[in-house]
């Protein structure tokens, strides 16, 4: 099962980091946590976000991904991209040159998402209202190019990771010519 890039998206508290780390532990695939590229600019409460720094970090990520591709790495996972960045990937990663998949985790229960955001987490992000709004917007918007939405409301992180791996397998099994349609 090989693609160039696998993007794990979703709102804060949706499980992106936990799931991508489980997959990385199982498969030993490279994992880029986009939050690490933004951490140079963010305070612990995320109260000083800047669109300019977000754009610069995103452009740095694209450069890093293209460099991984240049050195023939496959299955490079990226998590923690804001939803609008997932929607922009097709602009930055040509379908003729890069094979990628977006798997966006959603939560159908707002109370559960609130508990996840306010519970013990590595991220300093605690704005559950914003997380719920982001999650609702993701659930309502159309699919991005090569995106699969996965509701992990009633699944353990391990079950969700297994489902993500199945989506990747299914995607890779399709005829390559179907990818470019």
N, C-alpha and C. Protein backbone atom coordinates (compact mmCIF):
# COMPACT_ATOMS: atom_id res chain seq x y z
N UNK A 1 0.85 -1.16 0.00
CA UNK A 1 0.00 0.00 0.00
C UNK A 1 0.90 1.23 0.00
N UNK A 2 0.85 1.96 -1.11
CA UNK A 2 1.74 3.11 -1.25
C UNK A 2 1.05 4.29 -1.93
N UNK A 3 1.15 5.42 -1.28
CA UNK A 3 0.79 6.71 -1.86
C UNK A 3 1.93 7.64 -1.49
N UNK A 4 1.95 8.82 -2.06
CA UNK A 4 2.99 9.76 -1.66
C UNK A 4 2.68 10.34 -0.29
N UNK A 5 1.47 10.87 -0.13
CA UNK A 5 1.13 11.58 1.09
C UNK A 5 -0.25 11.16 1.60
N UNK A 6 -0.37 11.09 2.91
CA UNK A 6 -1.63 10.79 3.57
C UNK A 6 -1.89 11.93 4.56
N UNK A 7 -2.96 12.67 4.36
CA UNK A 7 -3.31 13.78 5.24
C UNK A 7 -4.43 13.33 6.16
N UNK A 8 -4.21 13.45 7.46
CA UNK A 8 -5.23 13.12 8.45
C UNK A 8 -5.76 14.45 8.98
N UNK A 9 -7.01 14.77 8.64
CA UNK A 9 -7.60 16.04 9.00
C UNK A 9 -8.73 15.87 9.99
N UNK A 10 -9.28 17.00 10.41
CA UNK A 10 -10.41 17.00 11.33
C UNK A 10 -10.31 18.18 12.27
N UNK A 11 -11.35 18.38 13.02
CA UNK A 11 -11.37 19.49 13.99
C UNK A 11 -10.48 19.13 15.18
N UNK A 12 -10.16 20.12 16.01
CA UNK A 12 -9.49 19.80 17.27
C UNK A 12 -10.34 18.81 18.07
N UNK A 13 -9.70 17.80 18.64
CA UNK A 13 -10.40 16.79 19.42
C UNK A 13 -10.97 15.65 18.62
N UNK A 14 -10.80 15.67 17.29
CA UNK A 14 -11.38 14.60 16.47
C UNK A 14 -10.54 13.32 16.48
N UNK A 15 -9.31 13.40 16.96
CA UNK A 15 -8.48 12.20 17.05
C UNK A 15 -7.35 12.12 16.04
N UNK A 16 -7.10 13.19 15.29
CA UNK A 16 -6.09 13.16 14.23
C UNK A 16 -4.71 12.76 14.73
N UNK A 17 -4.27 13.38 15.81
CA UNK A 17 -2.93 13.12 16.32
C UNK A 17 -2.82 11.70 16.86
N UNK A 18 -3.78 11.30 17.66
CA UNK A 18 -3.75 9.96 18.26
C UNK A 18 -3.75 8.89 17.18
N UNK A 19 -4.63 9.02 16.21
CA UNK A 19 -4.75 8.02 15.14
C UNK A 19 -3.49 7.99 14.28
N UNK A 20 -2.99 9.15 13.89
CA UNK A 20 -1.81 9.16 13.03
C UNK A 20 -0.58 8.62 13.78
N UNK A 21 -0.50 8.88 15.08
CA UNK A 21 0.61 8.32 15.85
C UNK A 21 0.51 6.80 15.98
N UNK A 22 -0.71 6.27 16.13
CA UNK A 22 -0.88 4.82 16.15
C UNK A 22 -0.42 4.19 14.84
N UNK A 23 -0.81 4.81 13.74
CA UNK A 23 -0.41 4.28 12.43
C UNK A 23 1.10 4.38 12.26
N UNK A 24 1.68 5.49 12.67
CA UNK A 24 3.13 5.67 12.57
C UNK A 24 3.85 4.60 13.38
N UNK A 25 3.37 4.29 14.57
CA UNK A 25 3.99 3.25 15.40
C UNK A 25 3.89 1.88 14.73
N UNK A 26 2.73 1.60 14.10
CA UNK A 26 2.53 0.31 13.45
C UNK A 26 3.35 0.17 12.16
N UNK A 27 3.33 1.21 11.36
CA UNK A 27 3.88 1.12 10.00
C UNK A 27 5.25 1.76 9.84
N UNK A 28 5.66 2.56 10.80
CA UNK A 28 6.94 3.28 10.72
C UNK A 28 7.00 4.24 9.53
N UNK A 29 5.86 4.76 9.13
CA UNK A 29 5.82 5.76 8.06
C UNK A 29 6.21 7.11 8.64
N UNK A 30 6.83 7.96 7.84
CA UNK A 30 7.14 9.31 8.33
C UNK A 30 5.84 10.04 8.71
N UNK A 31 5.91 10.80 9.79
CA UNK A 31 4.75 11.57 10.27
C UNK A 31 5.19 13.00 10.54
N UNK A 32 4.53 13.91 9.86
CA UNK A 32 4.77 15.33 10.08
C UNK A 32 3.54 15.91 10.77
N UNK A 33 3.74 16.36 11.98
CA UNK A 33 2.67 17.03 12.71
C UNK A 33 2.76 18.50 12.36
N UNK A 34 1.79 19.00 11.60
CA UNK A 34 1.84 20.38 11.15
C UNK A 34 1.93 21.36 12.31
N UNK A 35 1.39 20.99 13.45
CA UNK A 35 1.50 21.84 14.62
C UNK A 35 2.95 22.14 14.97
N UNK A 36 3.85 21.20 14.68
CA UNK A 36 5.27 21.43 14.96
C UNK A 36 5.84 22.54 14.09
N UNK A 37 5.30 22.74 12.89
CA UNK A 37 5.77 23.83 12.04
C UNK A 37 5.21 25.17 12.49
N UNK A 38 4.09 25.14 13.19
CA UNK A 38 3.48 26.37 13.69
C UNK A 38 3.93 26.72 15.09
N UNK A 39 4.49 25.77 15.81
CA UNK A 39 4.79 25.94 17.23
C UNK A 39 5.75 27.10 17.48
N UNK A 40 6.55 27.44 16.49
CA UNK A 40 7.49 28.54 16.67
C UNK A 40 6.76 29.87 16.88
N UNK A 41 5.52 29.93 16.44
CA UNK A 41 4.77 31.17 16.47
C UNK A 41 3.64 31.18 17.49
N UNK A 42 3.25 30.01 17.98
CA UNK A 42 2.07 29.93 18.85
C UNK A 42 2.45 29.93 20.32
N UNK A 43 1.67 30.63 21.12
CA UNK A 43 1.83 30.48 22.56
C UNK A 43 1.03 29.26 23.01
N UNK A 44 1.17 28.86 24.25
CA UNK A 44 0.54 27.63 24.73
C UNK A 44 -0.98 27.66 24.69
N UNK A 45 -1.58 28.83 24.68
CA UNK A 45 -3.04 28.94 24.62
C UNK A 45 -3.54 29.18 23.20
N UNK A 46 -2.65 29.21 22.23
CA UNK A 46 -2.99 29.44 20.83
C UNK A 46 -3.67 30.79 20.65
N UNK A 47 -3.37 31.75 21.49
CA UNK A 47 -4.07 33.03 21.44
C UNK A 47 -3.43 34.03 20.48
N UNK A 48 -2.30 33.68 19.91
CA UNK A 48 -1.60 34.62 19.05
C UNK A 48 -1.46 34.12 17.61
N UNK A 49 -2.46 33.39 17.12
CA UNK A 49 -2.41 32.88 15.75
C UNK A 49 -2.41 34.03 14.75
N UNK A 50 -1.66 33.84 13.68
CA UNK A 50 -1.56 34.85 12.64
C UNK A 50 -1.73 34.17 11.28
N UNK A 51 -2.53 34.77 10.42
CA UNK A 51 -2.73 34.20 9.08
C UNK A 51 -1.43 34.17 8.27
N UNK A 52 -0.60 35.20 8.44
CA UNK A 52 0.68 35.25 7.73
C UNK A 52 1.58 34.09 8.15
N UNK A 53 1.69 33.85 9.45
CA UNK A 53 2.52 32.74 9.93
C UNK A 53 1.92 31.39 9.54
N UNK A 54 0.61 31.30 9.54
CA UNK A 54 -0.06 30.07 9.10
C UNK A 54 0.26 29.79 7.64
N UNK A 55 0.19 30.81 6.78
CA UNK A 55 0.49 30.64 5.36
C UNK A 55 1.96 30.26 5.16
N UNK A 56 2.85 30.91 5.86
CA UNK A 56 4.27 30.60 5.75
C UNK A 56 4.54 29.16 6.18
N UNK A 57 3.94 28.73 7.28
CA UNK A 57 4.11 27.36 7.75
C UNK A 57 3.57 26.36 6.74
N UNK A 58 2.43 26.67 6.13
CA UNK A 58 1.85 25.78 5.13
C UNK A 58 2.77 25.67 3.91
N UNK A 59 3.30 26.78 3.46
CA UNK A 59 4.23 26.75 2.32
C UNK A 59 5.50 25.98 2.66
N UNK A 60 5.96 26.09 3.91
CA UNK A 60 7.11 25.29 4.34
C UNK A 60 6.77 23.80 4.30
N UNK A 61 5.56 23.45 4.73
CA UNK A 61 5.13 22.06 4.68
C UNK A 61 5.14 21.54 3.24
N UNK A 62 4.61 22.30 2.31
CA UNK A 62 4.58 21.87 0.91
C UNK A 62 6.00 21.64 0.41
N UNK A 63 6.91 22.53 0.75
CA UNK A 63 8.32 22.36 0.36
C UNK A 63 8.88 21.06 0.94
N UNK A 64 8.62 20.81 2.22
CA UNK A 64 9.10 19.59 2.87
C UNK A 64 8.53 18.35 2.18
N UNK A 65 7.23 18.36 1.88
CA UNK A 65 6.60 17.21 1.22
C UNK A 65 7.21 16.96 -0.15
N UNK A 66 7.41 18.01 -0.91
CA UNK A 66 8.02 17.84 -2.24
C UNK A 66 9.44 17.29 -2.12
N UNK A 67 10.14 17.66 -1.07
CA UNK A 67 11.47 17.12 -0.85
C UNK A 67 11.42 15.63 -0.48
N UNK A 68 10.47 15.24 0.35
CA UNK A 68 10.27 13.82 0.65
C UNK A 68 10.01 13.05 -0.65
N UNK A 69 9.18 13.60 -1.49
CA UNK A 69 8.86 12.96 -2.77
C UNK A 69 10.11 12.85 -3.64
N UNK A 70 10.88 13.90 -3.67
CA UNK A 70 12.12 13.91 -4.47
C UNK A 70 13.05 12.78 -4.04
N UNK A 71 13.05 12.44 -2.76
CA UNK A 71 13.89 11.37 -2.25
C UNK A 71 13.15 10.03 -2.18
N UNK A 72 12.03 9.94 -2.90
CA UNK A 72 11.27 8.69 -3.11
C UNK A 72 10.63 8.12 -1.84
N UNK A 73 10.34 8.95 -0.88
CA UNK A 73 9.59 8.48 0.28
C UNK A 73 8.13 8.29 -0.12
N UNK A 74 7.50 7.31 0.50
CA UNK A 74 6.08 7.03 0.28
C UNK A 74 5.36 7.04 1.62
N UNK A 75 4.05 7.17 1.56
CA UNK A 75 3.20 7.11 2.75
C UNK A 75 3.62 8.12 3.82
N UNK A 76 4.00 9.30 3.41
CA UNK A 76 4.33 10.36 4.36
C UNK A 76 3.01 10.90 4.90
N UNK A 77 2.83 10.78 6.21
CA UNK A 77 1.59 11.23 6.83
C UNK A 77 1.76 12.65 7.36
N UNK A 78 0.68 13.41 7.26
CA UNK A 78 0.63 14.78 7.78
C UNK A 78 -0.66 14.91 8.57
N UNK A 79 -0.56 15.45 9.78
CA UNK A 79 -1.77 15.71 10.53
C UNK A 79 -1.79 17.16 10.99
N UNK A 80 -2.90 17.57 11.51
CA UNK A 80 -3.10 18.86 12.16
C UNK A 80 -3.17 20.05 11.20
N UNK A 81 -3.52 19.80 9.94
CA UNK A 81 -3.76 20.92 9.02
C UNK A 81 -5.15 21.48 9.27
N UNK A 82 -5.28 22.78 9.23
CA UNK A 82 -6.61 23.39 9.29
C UNK A 82 -7.40 22.97 8.05
N UNK A 83 -8.70 22.92 8.21
CA UNK A 83 -9.56 22.40 7.14
C UNK A 83 -9.39 23.16 5.83
N UNK A 84 -9.28 24.47 5.89
CA UNK A 84 -9.14 25.23 4.64
C UNK A 84 -7.84 24.87 3.92
N UNK A 85 -6.84 24.41 4.64
CA UNK A 85 -5.59 23.97 4.00
C UNK A 85 -5.80 22.66 3.25
N UNK A 86 -6.59 21.76 3.81
CA UNK A 86 -6.89 20.52 3.10
C UNK A 86 -7.57 20.82 1.77
N UNK A 87 -8.44 21.82 1.79
CA UNK A 87 -9.14 22.20 0.56
C UNK A 87 -8.20 22.81 -0.47
N UNK A 88 -7.04 23.30 -0.05
CA UNK A 88 -6.09 23.93 -0.96
C UNK A 88 -5.04 22.97 -1.51
N UNK A 89 -4.99 21.76 -1.02
CA UNK A 89 -3.92 20.85 -1.41
C UNK A 89 -3.83 20.63 -2.92
N UNK A 90 -4.97 20.51 -3.57
CA UNK A 90 -4.94 20.24 -5.01
C UNK A 90 -4.29 21.39 -5.78
N UNK A 91 -4.30 22.58 -5.23
CA UNK A 91 -3.65 23.73 -5.85
C UNK A 91 -2.12 23.61 -5.76
N UNK A 92 -1.63 23.03 -4.69
CA UNK A 92 -0.19 22.94 -4.44
C UNK A 92 0.42 21.61 -4.85
N UNK A 93 -0.38 20.56 -4.89
CA UNK A 93 0.14 19.23 -5.21
C UNK A 93 -0.56 18.72 -6.47
N UNK A 94 0.09 18.86 -7.59
CA UNK A 94 -0.46 18.48 -8.88
C UNK A 94 -0.83 16.99 -8.90
N UNK A 95 -2.01 16.70 -9.43
CA UNK A 95 -2.48 15.31 -9.51
C UNK A 95 -1.62 14.48 -10.46
N UNK A 96 -0.97 15.13 -11.39
CA UNK A 96 -0.11 14.41 -12.33
C UNK A 96 1.20 13.98 -11.69
N UNK A 97 1.60 14.66 -10.65
CA UNK A 97 2.91 14.41 -10.06
C UNK A 97 2.85 13.73 -8.70
N UNK A 98 1.78 13.97 -7.94
CA UNK A 98 1.71 13.47 -6.57
C UNK A 98 0.43 12.66 -6.37
N UNK A 99 0.57 11.57 -5.68
CA UNK A 99 -0.56 10.71 -5.35
C UNK A 99 -0.82 10.85 -3.85
N UNK A 100 -1.96 11.43 -3.51
CA UNK A 100 -2.24 11.65 -2.09
C UNK A 100 -3.69 11.34 -1.76
N UNK A 101 -3.91 11.21 -0.46
CA UNK A 101 -5.21 10.85 0.07
C UNK A 101 -5.46 11.71 1.31
N UNK A 102 -6.68 12.19 1.45
CA UNK A 102 -7.08 12.95 2.64
C UNK A 102 -8.12 12.12 3.39
N UNK A 103 -7.86 11.90 4.66
CA UNK A 103 -8.84 11.22 5.51
C UNK A 103 -9.18 12.19 6.63
N UNK A 104 -10.42 12.62 6.66
CA UNK A 104 -10.86 13.63 7.62
C UNK A 104 -11.73 12.95 8.67
N UNK A 105 -11.32 13.08 9.91
CA UNK A 105 -12.06 12.50 11.03
C UNK A 105 -13.12 13.48 11.51
N UNK A 106 -14.32 12.98 11.68
CA UNK A 106 -15.41 13.80 12.19
C UNK A 106 -16.03 13.12 13.40
N UNK A 107 -16.70 13.91 14.22
CA UNK A 107 -17.38 13.42 15.42
C UNK A 107 -18.82 13.89 15.33
N UNK A 108 -19.78 12.97 15.40
CA UNK A 108 -21.18 13.35 15.22
C UNK A 108 -21.86 13.78 16.52
N UNK A 109 -21.16 13.68 17.64
CA UNK A 109 -21.72 14.04 18.94
C UNK A 109 -20.95 15.24 19.49
N UNK A 110 -21.59 16.42 19.54
CA UNK A 110 -20.92 17.64 20.01
C UNK A 110 -20.45 17.52 21.46
N UNK A 111 -21.24 16.84 22.30
CA UNK A 111 -20.83 16.69 23.71
C UNK A 111 -19.57 15.85 23.85
N UNK A 112 -19.47 14.81 23.05
CA UNK A 112 -18.26 13.99 23.07
C UNK A 112 -17.06 14.80 22.59
N UNK A 113 -17.24 15.59 21.54
CA UNK A 113 -16.15 16.42 21.05
C UNK A 113 -15.72 17.42 22.13
N UNK A 114 -16.67 18.01 22.82
CA UNK A 114 -16.35 18.94 23.91
C UNK A 114 -15.52 18.23 24.99
N UNK A 115 -15.92 17.02 25.35
CA UNK A 115 -15.16 16.25 26.36
C UNK A 115 -13.74 15.99 25.88
N UNK A 116 -13.59 15.66 24.62
CA UNK A 116 -12.25 15.39 24.08
C UNK A 116 -11.38 16.63 24.12
N UNK A 117 -11.94 17.78 23.74
CA UNK A 117 -11.16 19.02 23.70
C UNK A 117 -10.76 19.45 25.11
N UNK A 118 -11.67 19.29 26.07
CA UNK A 118 -11.38 19.73 27.44
C UNK A 118 -10.64 18.68 28.26
N UNK A 119 -10.56 17.45 27.74
CA UNK A 119 -9.88 16.38 28.46
C UNK A 119 -8.36 16.49 28.35
N UNK A 120 -7.67 15.50 28.88
CA UNK A 120 -6.20 15.52 28.83
C UNK A 120 -5.71 15.36 27.38
N UNK A 121 -4.94 16.35 26.91
CA UNK A 121 -4.40 16.33 25.55
C UNK A 121 -3.06 17.06 25.56
N UNK A 122 -2.27 16.75 24.55
CA UNK A 122 -0.98 17.44 24.40
C UNK A 122 -1.16 18.88 23.95
N UNK A 123 -2.17 19.12 23.15
CA UNK A 123 -2.39 20.45 22.59
C UNK A 123 -2.89 21.39 23.67
N UNK A 124 -2.51 22.64 23.55
CA UNK A 124 -3.03 23.65 24.46
C UNK A 124 -4.40 24.16 24.03
N UNK A 125 -4.89 23.66 22.90
CA UNK A 125 -6.17 24.13 22.36
C UNK A 125 -7.31 23.65 23.25
N UNK A 126 -8.10 24.59 23.78
CA UNK A 126 -9.20 24.24 24.68
C UNK A 126 -10.52 24.91 24.29
N UNK A 127 -10.57 25.55 23.13
CA UNK A 127 -11.76 26.28 22.72
C UNK A 127 -12.75 25.29 22.09
N UNK A 128 -13.56 24.65 22.94
CA UNK A 128 -14.46 23.61 22.45
C UNK A 128 -15.54 24.17 21.52
N UNK A 129 -15.96 25.43 21.74
CA UNK A 129 -16.97 26.02 20.84
C UNK A 129 -16.42 26.10 19.42
N UNK A 130 -15.18 26.53 19.29
CA UNK A 130 -14.58 26.62 17.96
C UNK A 130 -14.38 25.23 17.36
N UNK A 131 -14.01 24.26 18.17
CA UNK A 131 -13.85 22.88 17.69
C UNK A 131 -15.19 22.34 17.17
N UNK A 132 -16.26 22.59 17.90
CA UNK A 132 -17.58 22.12 17.47
C UNK A 132 -18.00 22.80 16.17
N UNK A 133 -17.76 24.09 16.07
CA UNK A 133 -18.08 24.81 14.83
C UNK A 133 -17.27 24.27 13.65
N UNK A 134 -16.00 24.06 13.86
CA UNK A 134 -15.13 23.52 12.81
C UNK A 134 -15.61 22.13 12.38
N UNK A 135 -15.93 21.28 13.35
CA UNK A 135 -16.41 19.93 13.07
C UNK A 135 -17.71 19.96 12.27
N UNK A 136 -18.63 20.84 12.64
CA UNK A 136 -19.90 20.97 11.90
C UNK A 136 -19.65 21.42 10.47
N UNK A 137 -18.76 22.39 10.30
CA UNK A 137 -18.43 22.86 8.94
C UNK A 137 -17.83 21.75 8.10
N UNK A 138 -16.96 20.96 8.69
CA UNK A 138 -16.35 19.85 7.96
C UNK A 138 -17.41 18.84 7.55
N UNK A 139 -18.30 18.51 8.49
CA UNK A 139 -19.33 17.51 8.19
C UNK A 139 -20.26 17.98 7.07
N UNK A 140 -20.49 19.30 6.98
CA UNK A 140 -21.44 19.84 6.01
C UNK A 140 -20.83 20.15 4.64
N UNK A 141 -19.53 20.37 4.58
CA UNK A 141 -18.94 20.77 3.30
C UNK A 141 -18.79 19.58 2.36
N UNK A 142 -18.63 19.88 1.09
CA UNK A 142 -18.39 18.84 0.09
C UNK A 142 -17.02 18.23 0.31
N UNK A 143 -16.86 17.04 -0.24
CA UNK A 143 -15.56 16.37 -0.15
C UNK A 143 -14.51 17.12 -0.97
N UNK A 144 -13.30 17.15 -0.44
CA UNK A 144 -12.15 17.66 -1.20
C UNK A 144 -11.71 16.58 -2.19
N UNK A 145 -10.82 16.93 -3.08
CA UNK A 145 -10.25 15.96 -4.00
C UNK A 145 -9.55 14.86 -3.19
N UNK A 146 -9.87 13.60 -3.48
CA UNK A 146 -9.26 12.42 -2.85
C UNK A 146 -9.49 12.36 -1.34
N UNK A 147 -10.64 12.87 -0.90
CA UNK A 147 -10.94 12.88 0.53
C UNK A 147 -11.96 11.81 0.90
N UNK A 148 -11.77 11.25 2.07
CA UNK A 148 -12.73 10.35 2.70
C UNK A 148 -13.01 10.92 4.09
N UNK A 149 -14.28 11.06 4.43
CA UNK A 149 -14.64 11.47 5.78
C UNK A 149 -14.95 10.22 6.58
N UNK A 150 -14.43 10.17 7.80
CA UNK A 150 -14.59 9.00 8.64
C UNK A 150 -15.12 9.44 10.00
N UNK A 151 -16.32 8.99 10.35
CA UNK A 151 -16.92 9.31 11.64
C UNK A 151 -16.34 8.35 12.69
N UNK A 152 -15.61 8.91 13.63
CA UNK A 152 -15.00 8.06 14.66
C UNK A 152 -15.65 8.26 16.03
N UNK A 153 -16.90 8.70 16.03
CA UNK A 153 -17.60 8.98 17.28
C UNK A 153 -17.63 7.75 18.19
N UNK A 154 -17.96 6.61 17.65
CA UNK A 154 -18.17 5.41 18.47
C UNK A 154 -17.04 4.39 18.33
N UNK A 155 -15.85 4.87 17.99
CA UNK A 155 -14.73 3.96 17.80
C UNK A 155 -13.57 4.34 18.72
N UNK A 156 -12.84 3.33 19.12
CA UNK A 156 -11.60 3.59 19.85
C UNK A 156 -10.58 4.12 18.85
N UNK A 157 -9.53 4.76 19.34
CA UNK A 157 -8.48 5.19 18.41
C UNK A 157 -7.91 4.03 17.58
N UNK A 158 -7.77 2.86 18.19
CA UNK A 158 -7.24 1.70 17.46
C UNK A 158 -8.19 1.30 16.32
N UNK A 159 -9.49 1.28 16.60
CA UNK A 159 -10.46 0.95 15.55
C UNK A 159 -10.42 1.98 14.42
N UNK A 160 -10.31 3.25 14.79
CA UNK A 160 -10.24 4.30 13.77
C UNK A 160 -8.96 4.15 12.95
N UNK A 161 -7.83 3.88 13.61
CA UNK A 161 -6.58 3.67 12.87
C UNK A 161 -6.70 2.51 11.90
N UNK A 162 -7.34 1.43 12.32
CA UNK A 162 -7.54 0.28 11.43
C UNK A 162 -8.43 0.66 10.24
N UNK A 163 -9.46 1.47 10.49
CA UNK A 163 -10.32 1.92 9.40
C UNK A 163 -9.55 2.81 8.43
N UNK A 164 -8.69 3.67 8.96
CA UNK A 164 -7.87 4.52 8.10
C UNK A 164 -6.97 3.66 7.22
N UNK A 165 -6.35 2.66 7.80
CA UNK A 165 -5.48 1.76 7.02
C UNK A 165 -6.28 1.03 5.94
N UNK A 166 -7.52 0.67 6.23
CA UNK A 166 -8.36 0.01 5.23
C UNK A 166 -8.68 0.97 4.09
N UNK A 167 -8.97 2.22 4.41
CA UNK A 167 -9.23 3.23 3.37
C UNK A 167 -8.00 3.40 2.49
N UNK A 168 -6.83 3.43 3.09
CA UNK A 168 -5.58 3.55 2.32
C UNK A 168 -5.41 2.34 1.42
N UNK A 169 -5.61 1.14 1.97
CA UNK A 169 -5.53 -0.09 1.15
C UNK A 169 -6.48 -0.03 -0.03
N UNK A 170 -7.73 0.32 0.23
CA UNK A 170 -8.73 0.38 -0.84
C UNK A 170 -8.33 1.40 -1.90
N UNK A 171 -7.84 2.53 -1.47
CA UNK A 171 -7.41 3.58 -2.39
C UNK A 171 -6.26 3.09 -3.27
N UNK A 172 -5.32 2.40 -2.66
CA UNK A 172 -4.15 1.92 -3.41
C UNK A 172 -4.49 0.77 -4.35
N UNK A 173 -5.51 0.02 -4.04
CA UNK A 173 -5.90 -1.11 -4.88
C UNK A 173 -6.58 -0.67 -6.18
N UNK A 174 -7.14 0.55 -6.14
CA UNK A 174 -7.78 1.04 -7.36
C UNK A 174 -6.76 1.21 -8.46
N UNK A 175 -7.22 1.08 -9.66
CA UNK A 175 -6.36 1.27 -10.82
C UNK A 175 -5.81 2.70 -10.81
N UNK A 176 -4.53 2.85 -11.06
CA UNK A 176 -3.89 4.16 -11.05
C UNK A 176 -4.56 5.11 -12.04
N UNK A 177 -5.04 4.61 -13.15
CA UNK A 177 -5.70 5.50 -14.11
C UNK A 177 -6.97 6.09 -13.50
N UNK A 178 -7.63 5.37 -12.59
CA UNK A 178 -8.81 5.92 -11.92
C UNK A 178 -8.44 7.11 -11.04
N UNK A 179 -7.22 7.12 -10.52
CA UNK A 179 -6.78 8.20 -9.64
C UNK A 179 -6.80 9.54 -10.34
N UNK A 180 -6.48 9.53 -11.61
CA UNK A 180 -6.35 10.80 -12.35
C UNK A 180 -7.65 11.26 -12.99
N UNK A 181 -8.72 10.56 -12.77
CA UNK A 181 -10.01 10.98 -13.36
C UNK A 181 -10.56 12.16 -12.61
